Structures are given as structure tokens and as C-alpha cells.
N, C-alpha and C. Protein backbone atom coordinates (compact mmCIF):
# COMPACT_ATOMS: atom_id res chain seq x y z
N UNK A 1 105.51 76.87 111.49
CA UNK A 1 105.31 76.25 112.79
C UNK A 1 106.68 75.95 113.38
N UNK A 2 106.79 76.23 114.65
CA UNK A 2 108.06 76.05 115.35
C UNK A 2 107.85 75.12 116.54
N UNK A 3 108.35 73.90 116.44
CA UNK A 3 108.28 72.93 117.54
C UNK A 3 106.87 72.79 118.10
N UNK A 4 105.89 72.57 117.25
CA UNK A 4 104.52 72.38 117.70
C UNK A 4 103.80 73.66 118.08
N UNK A 5 104.37 74.80 117.74
CA UNK A 5 103.74 76.09 118.04
C UNK A 5 103.30 76.73 116.72
N UNK A 6 102.06 76.50 116.31
CA UNK A 6 101.63 76.97 115.00
C UNK A 6 101.61 78.48 114.85
N UNK A 7 101.57 79.23 115.95
CA UNK A 7 101.53 80.70 115.85
C UNK A 7 102.87 81.34 116.19
N UNK A 8 103.93 80.53 116.20
CA UNK A 8 105.27 81.06 116.47
C UNK A 8 105.56 82.15 115.43
N UNK A 9 106.16 83.23 115.85
CA UNK A 9 106.88 83.46 117.09
C UNK A 9 106.00 83.91 118.26
N UNK A 10 104.69 83.88 118.09
CA UNK A 10 103.79 84.22 119.18
C UNK A 10 103.46 82.97 119.98
N UNK A 11 103.06 83.15 121.23
CA UNK A 11 102.83 82.03 122.12
C UNK A 11 101.54 81.27 121.83
N UNK A 12 100.55 81.96 121.28
CA UNK A 12 99.25 81.33 121.08
C UNK A 12 98.48 82.08 119.99
N UNK A 13 97.35 81.52 119.62
CA UNK A 13 96.48 82.19 118.65
C UNK A 13 96.00 83.52 119.22
N UNK A 14 95.68 83.54 120.51
CA UNK A 14 95.21 84.77 121.16
C UNK A 14 96.28 85.85 121.14
N UNK A 15 97.53 85.45 121.42
CA UNK A 15 98.66 86.38 121.40
C UNK A 15 98.82 86.97 120.01
N UNK A 16 98.73 86.11 118.98
CA UNK A 16 98.84 86.57 117.59
C UNK A 16 97.68 87.48 117.24
N UNK A 17 96.43 87.11 117.62
CA UNK A 17 95.26 87.93 117.29
C UNK A 17 95.36 89.32 117.91
N UNK A 18 95.85 89.39 119.15
CA UNK A 18 96.02 90.69 119.80
C UNK A 18 97.04 91.53 119.04
N UNK A 19 98.16 90.94 118.68
CA UNK A 19 99.17 91.65 117.92
C UNK A 19 98.59 92.13 116.58
N UNK A 20 97.87 91.25 115.90
CA UNK A 20 97.27 91.60 114.61
C UNK A 20 96.31 92.77 114.77
N UNK A 21 95.45 92.71 115.77
CA UNK A 21 94.48 93.78 115.99
C UNK A 21 95.18 95.11 116.31
N UNK A 22 96.14 95.06 117.22
CA UNK A 22 96.85 96.30 117.59
C UNK A 22 97.56 96.91 116.38
N UNK A 23 98.15 96.07 115.55
CA UNK A 23 98.90 96.60 114.41
C UNK A 23 97.98 97.08 113.28
N UNK A 24 96.80 96.49 113.14
CA UNK A 24 95.90 96.86 112.04
C UNK A 24 94.98 98.03 112.38
N UNK A 25 94.84 98.35 113.64
CA UNK A 25 93.93 99.43 114.05
C UNK A 25 94.57 100.82 113.97
N UNK A 26 95.81 100.88 113.58
CA UNK A 26 96.47 102.18 113.45
C UNK A 26 96.87 102.79 114.79
N UNK A 27 97.03 101.97 115.79
CA UNK A 27 97.44 102.46 117.12
C UNK A 27 98.94 102.72 117.08
N UNK A 28 99.35 103.85 117.62
CA UNK A 28 100.77 104.20 117.61
C UNK A 28 101.56 103.25 118.49
N UNK A 29 102.88 103.26 118.30
CA UNK A 29 103.73 102.42 119.14
C UNK A 29 103.64 102.85 120.60
N UNK A 30 103.54 104.15 120.84
CA UNK A 30 103.38 104.62 122.22
C UNK A 30 102.05 104.12 122.79
N UNK A 31 101.00 104.12 121.97
CA UNK A 31 99.71 103.61 122.41
C UNK A 31 99.78 102.13 122.73
N UNK A 32 100.48 101.36 121.90
CA UNK A 32 100.65 99.92 122.15
C UNK A 32 101.42 99.72 123.45
N UNK A 33 102.46 100.51 123.67
CA UNK A 33 103.23 100.41 124.91
C UNK A 33 102.35 100.74 126.12
N UNK A 34 101.52 101.79 126.02
CA UNK A 34 100.62 102.15 127.13
C UNK A 34 99.64 101.01 127.39
N UNK A 35 99.09 100.42 126.33
CA UNK A 35 98.18 99.29 126.49
C UNK A 35 98.89 98.14 127.19
N UNK A 36 100.09 97.79 126.73
CA UNK A 36 100.84 96.66 127.30
C UNK A 36 101.15 96.87 128.77
N UNK A 37 101.29 98.14 129.19
CA UNK A 37 101.65 98.44 130.57
C UNK A 37 100.44 98.67 131.49
N UNK A 38 99.22 98.50 130.96
CA UNK A 38 98.04 98.60 131.82
C UNK A 38 98.10 97.48 132.87
N UNK A 39 97.71 97.80 134.09
CA UNK A 39 97.74 96.81 135.17
C UNK A 39 96.92 95.58 134.80
N UNK A 40 95.76 95.79 134.20
CA UNK A 40 94.90 94.66 133.81
C UNK A 40 95.62 93.74 132.83
N UNK A 41 96.32 94.33 131.87
CA UNK A 41 97.03 93.52 130.88
C UNK A 41 98.22 92.82 131.53
N UNK A 42 98.98 93.53 132.32
CA UNK A 42 100.16 92.94 132.96
C UNK A 42 99.80 91.83 133.94
N UNK A 43 98.64 91.95 134.61
CA UNK A 43 98.23 90.97 135.60
C UNK A 43 97.30 89.89 135.02
N UNK A 44 97.05 89.95 133.74
CA UNK A 44 96.19 88.96 133.09
C UNK A 44 96.86 87.59 133.19
N UNK A 45 96.06 86.51 133.33
CA UNK A 45 96.67 85.17 133.42
C UNK A 45 97.57 84.82 132.23
N UNK A 46 97.26 85.37 131.05
CA UNK A 46 98.10 85.13 129.87
C UNK A 46 98.38 86.47 129.19
N UNK A 47 99.28 87.27 129.79
CA UNK A 47 99.60 88.56 129.17
C UNK A 47 100.32 88.35 127.84
N UNK A 48 100.36 89.39 127.02
CA UNK A 48 101.09 89.26 125.75
C UNK A 48 102.52 88.79 125.97
N UNK A 49 103.02 88.02 125.03
CA UNK A 49 104.37 87.47 125.16
C UNK A 49 105.45 88.47 124.81
N UNK A 50 105.08 89.63 124.30
CA UNK A 50 106.04 90.66 123.93
C UNK A 50 105.95 91.78 124.95
N UNK A 51 107.09 92.48 125.18
CA UNK A 51 107.14 93.47 126.25
C UNK A 51 106.77 94.88 125.83
N UNK A 52 106.89 95.18 124.52
CA UNK A 52 106.56 96.51 124.04
C UNK A 52 106.33 96.46 122.53
N UNK A 53 105.96 97.60 121.95
CA UNK A 53 105.64 97.65 120.52
C UNK A 53 106.83 97.28 119.65
N UNK A 54 108.01 97.69 120.03
CA UNK A 54 109.20 97.38 119.23
C UNK A 54 109.41 95.88 119.16
N UNK A 55 109.34 95.18 120.30
CA UNK A 55 109.53 93.73 120.28
C UNK A 55 108.37 93.02 119.59
N UNK A 56 107.16 93.58 119.67
CA UNK A 56 106.02 93.01 118.97
C UNK A 56 106.26 93.06 117.46
N UNK A 57 106.66 94.22 116.96
CA UNK A 57 106.90 94.37 115.53
C UNK A 57 108.13 93.57 115.06
N UNK A 58 109.11 93.38 115.93
CA UNK A 58 110.25 92.53 115.58
C UNK A 58 109.79 91.09 115.35
N UNK A 59 108.85 90.63 116.15
CA UNK A 59 108.30 89.29 115.95
C UNK A 59 107.53 89.21 114.63
N UNK A 60 106.78 90.25 114.34
CA UNK A 60 106.01 90.27 113.09
C UNK A 60 106.96 90.15 111.90
N UNK A 61 108.09 90.82 111.96
CA UNK A 61 109.05 90.79 110.85
C UNK A 61 109.63 89.39 110.61
N UNK A 62 109.64 88.54 111.64
CA UNK A 62 110.20 87.20 111.48
C UNK A 62 109.18 86.20 110.93
N UNK A 63 107.92 86.61 110.87
CA UNK A 63 106.89 85.69 110.39
C UNK A 63 106.99 85.51 108.88
N UNK A 64 106.74 84.28 108.43
CA UNK A 64 106.77 84.07 106.98
C UNK A 64 105.60 84.78 106.32
N UNK A 65 105.85 85.35 105.19
CA UNK A 65 104.80 86.05 104.47
C UNK A 65 104.29 85.22 103.31
N UNK A 66 103.35 85.76 102.59
CA UNK A 66 102.83 85.04 101.43
C UNK A 66 103.89 84.97 100.34
N UNK A 67 103.71 84.06 99.40
CA UNK A 67 104.67 83.97 98.30
C UNK A 67 104.78 85.29 97.54
N UNK A 68 105.98 85.58 97.10
CA UNK A 68 106.19 86.83 96.37
C UNK A 68 105.85 86.65 94.89
N UNK A 69 105.52 87.75 94.27
CA UNK A 69 105.29 87.74 92.83
C UNK A 69 106.61 87.58 92.11
N UNK A 70 106.59 86.87 91.02
CA UNK A 70 107.76 86.72 90.15
C UNK A 70 107.36 87.28 88.80
N UNK A 71 108.35 87.61 87.98
CA UNK A 71 108.02 88.14 86.66
C UNK A 71 109.06 87.69 85.64
N UNK A 72 108.61 87.56 84.43
CA UNK A 72 109.46 87.25 83.29
C UNK A 72 109.01 88.12 82.13
N UNK A 73 109.95 88.47 81.29
CA UNK A 73 109.61 89.19 80.07
C UNK A 73 109.52 88.19 78.93
N UNK A 74 108.42 88.26 78.22
CA UNK A 74 108.17 87.33 77.12
C UNK A 74 108.05 88.15 75.84
N UNK A 75 108.76 87.70 74.83
CA UNK A 75 108.66 88.35 73.52
C UNK A 75 108.13 87.33 72.51
N UNK A 76 107.01 87.66 71.93
CA UNK A 76 106.39 86.77 70.95
C UNK A 76 106.99 87.00 69.57
N UNK A 77 107.09 85.94 68.81
CA UNK A 77 107.62 86.06 67.44
C UNK A 77 106.78 87.02 66.61
N UNK A 78 105.48 87.00 66.86
CA UNK A 78 104.57 87.86 66.08
C UNK A 78 104.72 89.34 66.43
N UNK A 79 105.29 89.66 67.59
CA UNK A 79 105.43 91.05 68.01
C UNK A 79 106.78 91.24 68.69
N UNK A 80 107.86 91.14 67.95
CA UNK A 80 109.20 91.21 68.56
C UNK A 80 109.51 92.57 69.19
N UNK A 81 108.81 93.61 68.79
CA UNK A 81 109.06 94.95 69.34
C UNK A 81 108.13 95.28 70.51
N UNK A 82 107.33 94.31 70.94
CA UNK A 82 106.38 94.55 72.03
C UNK A 82 106.54 93.50 73.13
N UNK A 83 107.63 93.53 73.87
CA UNK A 83 107.81 92.55 74.95
C UNK A 83 106.71 92.70 76.00
N UNK A 84 106.28 91.58 76.54
CA UNK A 84 105.22 91.56 77.55
C UNK A 84 105.81 91.05 78.87
N UNK A 85 105.28 91.56 79.96
CA UNK A 85 105.73 91.10 81.27
C UNK A 85 104.68 90.13 81.82
N UNK A 86 105.13 88.95 82.17
CA UNK A 86 104.27 87.91 82.74
C UNK A 86 104.55 87.86 84.24
N UNK A 87 103.49 88.06 85.04
CA UNK A 87 103.60 87.99 86.50
C UNK A 87 103.00 86.68 86.97
N UNK A 88 103.64 86.03 87.94
CA UNK A 88 103.16 84.75 88.41
C UNK A 88 103.67 84.44 89.81
N UNK A 89 103.01 83.47 90.43
CA UNK A 89 103.44 82.92 91.73
C UNK A 89 103.93 81.50 91.49
N UNK A 90 104.92 81.09 92.23
CA UNK A 90 105.40 79.72 92.18
C UNK A 90 104.36 78.83 92.87
N UNK A 91 103.77 77.86 92.17
CA UNK A 91 102.73 77.03 92.79
C UNK A 91 103.24 76.21 93.98
N UNK A 92 104.50 75.84 94.00
CA UNK A 92 105.05 75.09 95.13
C UNK A 92 105.11 76.00 96.36
N UNK A 93 105.54 77.24 96.19
CA UNK A 93 105.57 78.20 97.30
C UNK A 93 104.15 78.46 97.81
N UNK A 94 103.19 78.59 96.90
CA UNK A 94 101.80 78.82 97.30
C UNK A 94 101.26 77.65 98.11
N UNK A 95 101.54 76.44 97.65
CA UNK A 95 101.08 75.25 98.36
C UNK A 95 101.72 75.18 99.74
N UNK A 96 103.01 75.44 99.82
CA UNK A 96 103.69 75.43 101.12
C UNK A 96 103.08 76.47 102.05
N UNK A 97 102.82 77.65 101.55
CA UNK A 97 102.23 78.73 102.35
C UNK A 97 100.86 78.30 102.90
N UNK A 98 100.04 77.69 102.06
CA UNK A 98 98.72 77.27 102.51
C UNK A 98 98.80 76.16 103.55
N UNK A 99 99.69 75.19 103.34
CA UNK A 99 99.80 74.07 104.27
C UNK A 99 100.41 74.46 105.60
N UNK A 100 101.21 75.52 105.65
CA UNK A 100 101.79 75.93 106.93
C UNK A 100 100.88 76.88 107.69
N UNK A 101 99.79 77.32 107.08
CA UNK A 101 98.88 78.26 107.73
C UNK A 101 97.98 77.52 108.71
N UNK A 102 98.08 77.80 110.02
CA UNK A 102 97.29 77.07 111.01
C UNK A 102 95.79 77.30 110.87
N UNK A 103 95.38 78.37 110.21
CA UNK A 103 93.95 78.62 110.03
C UNK A 103 93.30 77.55 109.16
N UNK A 104 94.08 76.88 108.34
CA UNK A 104 93.54 75.86 107.44
C UNK A 104 93.69 74.44 108.00
N UNK A 105 94.30 74.32 109.16
CA UNK A 105 94.56 73.00 109.74
C UNK A 105 93.26 72.23 109.92
N UNK A 106 93.19 71.07 109.30
CA UNK A 106 92.00 70.23 109.40
C UNK A 106 90.88 70.61 108.46
N UNK A 107 91.06 71.67 107.67
CA UNK A 107 90.00 72.13 106.78
C UNK A 107 90.35 71.98 105.30
N UNK A 108 91.47 71.35 105.00
CA UNK A 108 91.86 71.17 103.60
C UNK A 108 91.43 69.80 103.13
N UNK A 109 90.93 69.76 101.90
CA UNK A 109 90.57 68.50 101.29
C UNK A 109 91.28 68.43 99.94
N UNK A 110 91.95 67.33 99.71
CA UNK A 110 92.65 67.17 98.44
C UNK A 110 92.69 65.68 98.10
N UNK A 111 92.92 65.39 96.86
CA UNK A 111 92.97 63.99 96.44
C UNK A 111 94.09 63.82 95.44
N UNK A 112 94.70 62.66 95.45
CA UNK A 112 95.73 62.35 94.48
C UNK A 112 95.05 61.75 93.25
N UNK A 113 95.55 62.10 92.12
CA UNK A 113 94.99 61.57 90.88
C UNK A 113 95.40 60.11 90.75
N UNK A 114 94.42 59.27 90.55
CA UNK A 114 94.71 57.84 90.37
C UNK A 114 95.06 57.60 88.93
N UNK A 115 96.08 56.79 88.72
CA UNK A 115 96.50 56.48 87.35
C UNK A 115 95.94 55.18 86.88
């Protein structure tokens, strides 16, 4: 979230949804540019905040992504010649990712353990 804008770098949820749909439907960059330049889109009361496909994808690249996988190699005493790879996510990064996601705003329930 950037200064009260939960869908930053996009202007609104609608702006983000349009970008998401255009990018997930397999539409070419030229097709996205043609769509963006339609008179109806340009004259819409809330046209997309990006001017073309290149600037749209540049915004997408600045968005935070989900936590990355981490890995460690573990060697057990019982099997010293068989190292195992352990894959995991950092729980703090996962929690931060969930709490910054505007889709969950107001829908999370949690409790602190009482001692």
C-alpha cells in the first residue's frame, strides 16, 4: 500500500483488475495498445492510469510478489551420504504478504494466545 492506495502502483481496484485481465488473457502488447487507444476507453470517466502496454507491464514489475521459496540442505546422521533438500517459506514474509493484500482487508480473524 502506498499512501492510502491499496492497489498502488495502480489507481484503483478497477485499474488493477483491467491490467490483470489484459495480461492474463494472452493479449499481445500491440492488442493492449489498440485497446488503450479506443475512443471509448480514452474518453471513459476513469480511463486506465497507464498509457500503453509497456508502461502497464512496468507497473506490474514494481508490485510486490508472494514470498519466495527458500531451501536448505539437511544431512541426517543416519544417512550421511544422502543429503536432503528442505524447501520452505519464511512465516514472517508470508504473514506480511497476507496482511498487505487488500483483498483480505476486513476479512482476517486472528487471536493472541492468552498466557
